[in-house]
Amino acid sequence: MSFFLLQSSPAANPLLQFLPIIVIFGIFYFLLFMPMQRQKKQQAKMLAELKAGDHVLTNGGVVGSIVALNDDDTIIIRVKPDGVKLQMARGAVSSLLNLEKKS
């Protein structure tokens, strides 16, 4: 009677098993999270640099020009055509508009 010794394959390195998952997280970080962080920083910088006279677009789609900036993080904007003044949170501004006057 001859006995055959069954040799088991060597144990795989645990790091190699998790390598694909680590690579996927790295790809997600560089393709999704970094651009979102960069965009948040740009938005925060834009909100910090608002000044009276800037033309802005709000999250609600209201277009107007800033009349005043209050200390409690609110702004007052004037909307056309009647010049109605609206008070809203500074964070409600989604973007600055570059309105060039046409002659």
Protein backbone atom coordinates (compact mmCIF):
# COMPACT_ATOMS: atom_id res chain seq x y z
CA MET A 1 0.00 0.00 0.00
CA SER A 2 1.42 3.26 -0.96
CA PHE A 3 0.32 6.48 0.49
CA PHE A 4 0.22 9.55 -1.58
CA LEU A 5 0.85 12.73 0.22
CA LEU A 6 -1.49 15.40 -0.89
CA GLN A 7 0.29 18.65 -1.03
CA SER A 8 -1.86 21.67 -0.44
CA SER A 9 -1.18 24.75 -2.45
CA PRO A 10 0.67 27.46 -0.60
CA ALA A 11 -1.57 29.97 1.13
CA ALA A 12 -2.16 33.05 -0.96
CA ASN A 13 -0.88 36.33 0.35
CA PRO A 14 -3.80 38.21 1.97
CA LEU A 15 -2.56 41.45 0.47
CA LEU A 16 -2.92 40.03 -3.03
CA GLN A 17 -6.49 39.01 -2.27
CA PHE A 18 -7.44 42.58 -1.31
CA LEU A 19 -5.40 44.27 -4.03
CA PRO A 20 -8.30 44.53 -6.56
CA ILE A 21 -10.54 46.11 -3.92
CA ILE A 22 -7.82 48.57 -2.96
CA VAL A 23 -7.29 49.48 -6.62
CA ILE A 24 -11.05 50.04 -7.11
CA PHE A 25 -11.18 52.35 -4.07
CA GLY A 26 -8.19 54.25 -5.45
CA ILE A 27 -9.91 54.72 -8.80
CA PHE A 28 -13.11 55.93 -7.11
CA TYR A 29 -11.12 58.37 -5.01
CA PHE A 30 -9.33 59.92 -7.98
CA LEU A 31 -12.34 59.96 -10.32
CA LEU A 32 -15.14 60.89 -7.93
CA PHE A 33 -14.07 62.20 -4.55
CA MET A 34 -11.19 64.48 -5.53
CA PRO A 35 -13.21 66.42 -8.13
CA MET A 36 -16.11 66.79 -5.67
CA GLN A 37 -13.78 68.15 -2.99
CA ARG A 38 -12.23 70.56 -5.49
CA GLN A 39 -15.69 71.76 -6.55
CA LYS A 40 -16.72 72.31 -2.91
CA LYS A 41 -13.60 74.38 -2.30
CA GLN A 42 -14.29 76.51 -5.39
CA GLN A 43 -17.92 77.04 -4.29
CA ALA A 44 -16.83 78.05 -0.77
CA LYS A 45 -14.25 80.46 -2.21
CA MET A 46 -16.86 82.00 -4.52
CA LEU A 47 -19.31 82.47 -1.63
CA ALA A 48 -16.62 84.06 0.54
CA GLU A 49 -15.69 86.54 -2.22
CA LEU A 50 -19.22 87.80 -2.92
CA LYS A 51 -19.55 91.57 -2.89
CA ALA A 52 -22.21 94.19 -3.54
CA GLY A 53 -22.88 94.66 -7.24
CA ASP A 54 -22.18 91.04 -8.25
CA HIS A 55 -24.79 89.40 -10.46
CA VAL A 56 -25.71 85.99 -9.10
CA LEU A 57 -27.85 82.96 -9.86
CA THR A 58 -29.47 81.25 -6.88
CA ASN A 59 -30.28 77.58 -6.41
CA GLY A 60 -33.94 78.43 -7.02
CA GLY A 61 -33.17 79.99 -10.40
CA VAL A 62 -33.52 83.61 -9.31
CA VAL A 63 -31.16 86.00 -11.09
CA GLY A 64 -30.31 89.29 -9.44
CA SER A 65 -27.60 91.63 -8.28
CA ILE A 66 -26.33 91.79 -4.72
CA VAL A 67 -27.32 94.96 -2.88
CA ALA A 68 -25.97 94.16 0.57
CA LEU A 69 -24.15 91.46 2.52
CA ASN A 70 -25.30 91.04 6.11
CA ASP A 71 -23.25 89.82 9.07
CA ASP A 72 -25.57 86.85 9.67
CA ASP A 73 -24.57 85.16 6.37
CA THR A 74 -27.54 86.50 4.48
CA ILE A 75 -27.53 88.63 1.37
CA ILE A 76 -30.03 90.99 -0.17
CA ILE A 77 -30.42 90.76 -3.93
CA ARG A 78 -32.39 92.97 -6.29
CA VAL A 79 -34.26 91.22 -9.07
CA LYS A 80 -35.55 92.72 -12.29
CA PRO A 81 -37.84 94.09 -13.68
CA ASP A 82 -39.40 95.77 -10.64
CA GLY A 83 -36.29 95.98 -8.48
CA VAL A 84 -37.78 93.78 -5.77
CA LYS A 85 -35.29 93.07 -2.97
CA LEU A 86 -35.03 89.54 -1.62
CA GLN A 87 -33.15 88.44 1.47
CA MET A 88 -31.69 84.95 1.32
CA ALA A 89 -28.90 82.83 2.73
CA ARG A 90 -25.46 83.30 1.24
CA GLY A 91 -25.33 79.55 0.59
CA ALA A 92 -28.32 79.84 -1.75
CA VAL A 93 -26.07 81.41 -4.40
CA SER A 94 -25.11 78.78 -6.93
CA SER A 95 -22.95 80.84 -9.28
CA LEU A 96 -21.73 84.25 -10.30
CA LEU A 97 -22.95 85.55 -13.63
CA ASN A 98 -20.70 87.43 -15.99
CA LEU A 99 -23.16 89.91 -17.46
CA GLU A 100 -21.52 92.16 -20.01
CA LYS A 101 -23.33 95.34 -20.89
CA LYS A 102 -24.08 95.53 -24.58
CA SER A 103 -23.86 98.93 -26.26
